[in-house]
């Protein structure tokens, strides 16, 4: 199976890659379209998202003796890890509502835990100028509380696409290293995702990276004896495709510090080291790349 469609996929991949490098505005328009879809669904159905997110606090009697493990560095102990709440009540619901409106499929990949799906739409063919009617969407939920609600989020190599160089059919695609550059330190960052996927049926799909950031309250900090972690706000973040980051227009060069060092120590294998992406610089690239979602 590895080689059955390899030559055809190689040709289609490089043709599509060249088309998006020549016309980056087509790729940018697709990113904005999918980001807007997520924002619209979250906004229209905000009450439903909020109610199911908050249900986790009401359900406390059912998990009190089986709490999730503390995460992060030196946790205080009064903040319940809420990652899975966001993944299920926000991420799975958002996927379901998108699927109810669009034609979708779930193409498998052997690595990366994000919610992945191929979105198929006639709108995409028009927006891409006829290049494709599909997009490979990587959707991840980045839940945070009041102690870790910063103007950035941590992203892994499996949440970023690269320049995707594929030199010959017998070989395989490889991304060039990026640099996560901070004020004091920097380190190489090795994106693991292809900027474009070509499927066995010949269809092509650019990779779109969308992150939803639910922020929750900690009622215990209010000092009135209440406990719970209800939803406070939602933001949708769209990180540019790797071709936009590295080739044309080359955002990583234009906006130094867009990616900056993450929270992993030097003991972690370099290929697994994460980085942070700056919301401020994403907003400078385009205001729609970081959007706070409110009720309709």
Protein backbone atom coordinates (compact mmCIF):
# COMPACT_ATOMS: atom_id res chain seq x y z
CA UNK A 1 0.00 0.00 0.00
CA UNK A 2 2.87 2.40 0.74
CA UNK A 3 3.86 2.57 -2.92
CA UNK A 4 0.62 1.90 -4.80
CA UNK A 5 -0.17 5.56 -5.58
CA UNK A 6 3.18 7.07 -4.68
CA UNK A 7 4.16 8.46 -8.09
CA UNK A 8 0.75 10.02 -8.73
CA UNK A 9 0.65 11.49 -5.22
CA UNK A 10 4.14 12.91 -5.63
CA UNK A 11 3.17 14.69 -8.83
CA UNK A 12 -0.14 16.01 -7.44
CA UNK A 13 1.52 17.15 -4.22
CA UNK A 14 4.24 19.20 -5.86
CA UNK A 15 1.85 20.72 -8.39
CA UNK A 16 -0.47 21.79 -5.57
CA UNK A 17 2.40 23.03 -3.43
CA UNK A 18 3.67 25.19 -6.30
CA UNK A 19 0.17 26.57 -6.87
CA UNK A 20 -0.25 27.63 -3.23
CA UNK A 21 3.25 29.14 -3.09
CA UNK A 22 2.46 31.16 -6.20
CA UNK A 23 -0.96 32.16 -4.83
CA UNK A 24 -0.69 32.34 -1.03
CA UNK A 25 -3.87 34.43 -0.89
CA UNK A 26 -5.84 31.30 -1.87
CA UNK A 27 -4.45 29.44 1.15
CA UNK A 28 -5.05 32.42 3.44
CA UNK A 29 -8.65 32.70 2.24
CA UNK A 30 -9.28 29.02 3.02
CA UNK A 31 -7.86 29.48 6.52
CA UNK A 32 -10.13 32.47 7.14
CA UNK A 33 -13.15 30.59 5.79
CA UNK A 34 -12.64 27.64 8.15
CA UNK A 35 -11.82 29.87 11.10
CA UNK A 36 -15.03 31.80 10.45
CA UNK A 37 -17.01 28.55 10.36
CA UNK A 38 -15.71 27.63 13.81
CA UNK A 39 -16.43 31.10 15.19
CA UNK A 40 -19.93 31.14 13.74
CA UNK A 41 -20.87 27.73 15.17
CA UNK A 42 -19.44 28.55 18.59
CA UNK A 43 -21.23 31.90 18.63
CA UNK A 44 -24.60 30.58 17.46
CA UNK A 45 -24.54 27.64 19.87
CA UNK A 46 -22.71 29.34 22.74
CA UNK A 47 -25.37 28.48 25.34
CA UNK A 48 -25.15 24.78 24.48
CA UNK A 49 -21.36 24.77 24.62
CA UNK A 50 -21.41 26.62 27.94
CA UNK A 51 -24.06 24.37 29.50
CA UNK A 52 -22.23 21.14 28.66
CA UNK A 53 -18.87 22.59 29.68
CA UNK A 54 -20.29 23.66 33.05
CA UNK A 55 -21.92 20.27 33.56
CA UNK A 56 -18.51 18.93 34.56
CA UNK A 57 -18.66 21.00 37.74
CA UNK A 58 -22.19 19.85 38.60
CA UNK A 59 -21.07 16.25 38.06
CA UNK A 60 -18.39 16.57 40.77
CA UNK A 61 -20.02 13.95 43.08
CA UNK A 62 -19.42 11.34 40.38
CA UNK A 63 -15.67 11.98 39.98
CA UNK A 64 -14.62 13.43 43.36
CA UNK A 65 -12.79 10.23 44.39
CA UNK A 66 -11.26 9.83 40.89
CA UNK A 67 -9.93 13.28 40.05
CA UNK A 68 -7.61 13.84 37.09
CA UNK A 69 -3.90 14.03 37.81
CA UNK A 70 -2.38 17.45 38.41
CA UNK A 71 -0.37 18.76 35.47
CA UNK A 72 2.15 21.47 34.90
CA UNK A 73 4.94 22.67 37.14
CA UNK A 74 4.37 22.85 40.91
CA UNK A 75 0.55 22.80 40.89
CA UNK A 76 -1.07 24.45 43.91
CA UNK A 77 -3.67 21.71 44.19
CA UNK A 78 -6.88 23.74 44.16
CA UNK A 79 -7.24 23.80 40.38
CA UNK A 80 -8.76 20.67 38.84
CA UNK A 81 -7.18 19.81 35.45
CA UNK A 82 -9.92 20.63 32.95
CA UNK A 83 -8.28 19.54 29.69
CA UNK A 84 -10.67 16.69 28.93
CA UNK A 85 -13.69 18.88 29.70
CA UNK A 86 -12.71 21.19 26.88
CA UNK A 87 -11.84 18.35 24.51
CA UNK A 88 -15.26 16.74 24.90
CA UNK A 89 -17.68 19.59 25.61
CA UNK A 90 -16.06 21.99 23.13
CA UNK A 91 -13.96 19.98 20.66
CA UNK A 92 -16.22 16.98 20.04
CA UNK A 93 -19.34 19.12 19.96
CA UNK A 94 -17.77 21.58 17.51
CA UNK A 95 -16.75 18.71 15.25
CA UNK A 96 -20.28 17.26 15.39
CA UNK A 97 -21.89 20.57 14.49
CA UNK A 98 -19.47 21.16 11.62
CA UNK A 99 -20.18 17.64 10.35
CA UNK A 100 -23.93 18.35 10.39
CA UNK A 101 -23.42 21.20 7.90
CA UNK A 102 -20.64 19.96 5.62
CA UNK A 103 -19.44 16.87 3.83
CA UNK A 104 -16.57 15.44 5.86
CA UNK A 105 -14.36 12.40 6.20
CA UNK A 106 -11.84 11.24 8.77
CA UNK A 107 -8.59 10.38 7.02
CA UNK A 108 -6.26 8.50 9.33
CA UNK A 109 -2.74 9.49 10.32
CA UNK A 110 -0.56 7.43 12.70
CA UNK A 111 0.54 10.33 14.91
CA UNK A 112 -0.86 13.43 16.53
CA UNK A 113 -3.84 13.36 18.86
CA UNK A 114 -5.79 16.38 17.59
CA UNK A 115 -9.27 16.07 16.15
CA UNK A 116 -8.60 15.74 12.41
CA UNK A 117 -11.06 15.77 9.55
CA UNK A 118 -11.24 16.52 5.85
CA UNK A 119 -13.80 19.21 5.11
CA UNK A 120 -15.25 19.13 1.60
CA UNK A 121 -17.15 22.08 0.17
CA UNK A 122 -17.86 23.71 -3.17
CA UNK A 123 -16.98 26.98 -1.43
CA UNK A 124 -13.42 25.75 -1.01
CA UNK A 125 -13.05 25.17 -4.74
CA UNK A 126 -14.16 28.73 -5.41
CA UNK A 127 -11.99 30.19 -2.63
CA UNK A 128 -8.93 28.26 -3.79
CA UNK A 129 -9.35 29.36 -7.39
CA UNK A 130 -10.07 25.81 -8.50
CA UNK A 131 -7.07 24.21 -6.80
CA UNK A 132 -9.17 22.01 -4.48
CA UNK A 133 -12.54 21.61 -2.78
CA UNK A 134 -11.04 20.05 0.36
CA UNK A 135 -9.07 21.01 3.46
CA UNK A 136 -7.37 18.88 6.11
CA UNK A 137 -8.40 20.52 9.38
CA UNK A 138 -6.43 19.98 12.59
CA UNK A 139 -8.59 21.10 15.52
CA UNK A 140 -7.20 21.24 19.06
CA UNK A 141 -8.65 22.55 22.31
CA UNK A 142 -6.35 24.52 24.65
CA UNK A 143 -8.20 24.78 27.98
CA UNK A 144 -6.75 27.19 30.53
CA UNK A 145 -7.72 28.67 33.89
CA UNK A 146 -7.01 32.06 35.49
CA UNK A 147 -3.43 31.10 36.40
CA UNK A 148 -2.36 30.13 32.87
CA UNK A 149 -4.43 32.40 30.64
CA UNK A 150 -1.63 34.02 28.66
CA UNK A 151 -1.46 35.71 25.26
CA UNK A 152 0.07 32.63 23.72
CA UNK A 153 -0.45 28.90 23.55
CA UNK A 154 1.94 25.96 23.51
CA UNK A 155 2.03 23.93 20.30
CA UNK A 156 3.73 20.64 19.57
CA UNK A 157 5.50 19.58 16.36
CA UNK A 158 2.34 17.63 15.47
CA UNK A 159 0.31 20.86 15.51
CA UNK A 160 2.36 22.79 12.98
CA UNK A 161 2.96 22.18 9.28
CA UNK A 162 6.24 23.01 7.56
CA UNK A 163 7.58 23.71 4.10
CA UNK A 164 6.94 20.11 3.06
CA UNK A 165 9.81 19.39 0.65
CA UNK A 166 9.29 16.15 -1.31
CA UNK A 167 12.18 15.73 -3.73
CA UNK A 168 11.52 12.40 -5.44
CA UNK A 169 8.79 9.73 -5.46
CA UNK A 170 11.05 7.09 -3.91
CA UNK A 171 11.72 9.31 -0.90
CA UNK A 172 9.29 10.97 1.48
CA UNK A 173 8.25 14.43 2.51
CA UNK A 174 10.43 16.27 5.00
CA UNK A 175 9.95 19.64 6.71
CA UNK A 176 12.87 22.00 7.23
CA UNK A 177 13.51 23.02 10.86
CA UNK A 178 12.06 26.30 12.08
CA UNK A 179 13.44 28.52 14.84
CA UNK A 180 11.49 29.46 17.96
CA UNK A 181 13.06 32.81 18.78
CA UNK A 182 12.68 34.61 22.11
CA UNK A 183 14.22 37.71 23.66
CA UNK A 184 16.82 35.74 25.57
CA UNK A 185 16.97 32.28 24.02
CA UNK A 186 15.96 30.38 20.91
CA UNK A 187 15.82 26.77 19.85
CA UNK A 188 15.12 24.75 16.71
CA UNK A 189 11.56 23.59 16.21
CA UNK A 190 10.75 20.60 14.01
CA UNK A 191 7.25 20.73 12.52
CA UNK A 192 5.91 17.25 11.82
CA UNK A 193 2.82 17.97 9.73
CA UNK A 194 2.64 18.24 5.95
CA UNK A 195 1.32 21.54 4.55
CA UNK A 196 -0.73 19.57 2.02
CA UNK A 197 -2.12 16.03 1.86
CA UNK A 198 -2.83 14.03 -1.29
CA UNK A 199 -5.24 11.13 -0.84
CA UNK A 200 -5.34 7.81 -2.66
CA UNK A 201 -8.28 9.01 -4.77
CA UNK A 202 -6.16 11.88 -6.11
CA UNK A 203 -7.85 14.64 -4.10
CA UNK A 204 -5.63 17.24 -2.44
CA UNK A 205 -6.18 19.16 0.80
CA UNK A 206 -4.14 21.98 2.36
CA UNK A 207 -3.61 21.70 6.11
CA UNK A 208 -5.50 24.17 8.30
CA UNK A 209 -4.58 24.57 12.00
CA UNK A 210 -7.37 25.81 14.28
CA UNK A 211 -7.16 26.02 18.06
CA UNK A 212 -10.03 26.80 20.40
CA UNK A 213 -9.07 28.22 23.79
CA UNK A 214 -11.72 27.85 26.51
CA UNK A 215 -10.90 29.89 29.62
CA UNK A 216 -12.58 28.84 32.87
CA UNK A 217 -13.23 30.58 36.17
CA UNK A 218 -12.10 29.16 39.50
CA UNK A 219 -14.97 30.06 41.81
CA UNK A 220 -12.86 29.07 44.83
CA UNK A 221 -10.74 32.18 44.22
CA UNK A 222 -13.74 34.48 44.78
CA UNK A 223 -13.61 33.88 48.54
CA UNK A 224 -17.33 33.22 48.93
CA UNK A 225 -17.15 29.48 49.53
CA UNK A 226 -18.35 28.45 46.09
CA UNK A 227 -16.53 25.84 44.06
CA UNK A 228 -16.56 24.99 40.40
CA UNK A 229 -14.84 25.84 37.15
CA UNK A 230 -17.43 27.31 34.75
CA UNK A 231 -16.67 28.60 31.28
CA UNK A 232 -15.55 32.23 31.17
CA UNK A 233 -14.68 32.81 27.52
CA UNK A 234 -13.77 31.20 24.20
CA UNK A 235 -11.21 32.20 21.60
CA UNK A 236 -10.52 30.78 18.16
CA UNK A 237 -6.91 30.87 16.94
CA UNK A 238 -5.74 30.04 13.42
CA UNK A 239 -2.01 29.34 13.02
CA UNK A 240 -0.79 29.79 9.42
CA UNK A 241 -0.02 26.85 7.19
CA UNK A 242 3.69 25.99 6.97
CA UNK A 243 4.02 27.32 3.42
CA UNK A 244 2.81 30.71 4.64
CA UNK A 245 5.14 30.56 7.63
CA UNK A 246 8.30 29.65 5.74
CA UNK A 247 7.99 30.24 1.99
CA UNK A 248 5.48 32.86 0.81
CA UNK A 249 4.94 35.32 2.44
CA UNK A 250 7.28 33.89 5.13
CA UNK A 251 5.61 35.08 8.33
CA UNK A 252 8.33 33.66 10.60
CA UNK A 253 10.87 36.03 9.06
CA UNK A 254 8.51 39.00 8.89
CA UNK A 255 7.33 38.59 12.49
CA UNK A 256 10.29 37.53 14.67
CA UNK A 257 9.02 35.97 17.87
CA UNK A 258 5.83 34.61 16.30
CA UNK A 259 7.12 31.25 17.52
CA UNK A 260 9.15 31.49 20.72
CA UNK A 261 10.62 28.92 23.14
CA UNK A 262 8.21 26.57 24.87
CA UNK A 263 8.20 25.05 28.31
CA UNK A 264 10.17 21.84 27.62
CA UNK A 265 13.57 21.34 29.19
CA UNK A 266 16.74 20.24 27.41
CA UNK A 267 16.25 16.59 28.37
CA UNK A 268 13.47 16.22 25.81
CA UNK A 269 14.46 14.95 22.34
CA UNK A 270 14.86 17.96 20.02
CA UNK A 271 12.30 16.62 17.55
CA UNK A 272 9.67 16.56 20.33
CA UNK A 273 10.32 20.01 21.81
CA UNK A 274 7.32 22.33 21.73
CA UNK A 275 7.15 26.07 21.20
CA UNK A 276 4.75 28.91 21.94
CA UNK A 277 2.86 30.98 19.38
CA UNK A 278 2.22 34.66 20.10
CA UNK A 279 -1.40 35.81 19.86
CA UNK A 280 -0.28 39.42 19.60
CA UNK A 281 1.78 38.75 16.49
CA UNK A 282 -0.91 36.51 15.00
CA UNK A 283 -3.33 39.42 15.39
CA UNK A 284 -0.84 41.70 13.62
CA UNK A 285 -0.80 39.28 10.70
CA UNK A 286 -4.62 39.37 10.54
CA UNK A 287 -7.24 40.24 13.14
CA UNK A 288 -9.33 37.15 12.29
CA UNK A 289 -6.49 34.84 13.38
CA UNK A 290 -7.34 35.47 17.06
CA UNK A 291 -11.04 35.99 17.74
CA UNK A 292 -12.92 36.06 21.04
CA UNK A 293 -16.27 34.35 20.59
CA UNK A 294 -19.37 35.83 22.22
CA UNK A 295 -23.03 34.80 22.30
CA UNK A 296 -24.98 35.59 19.16
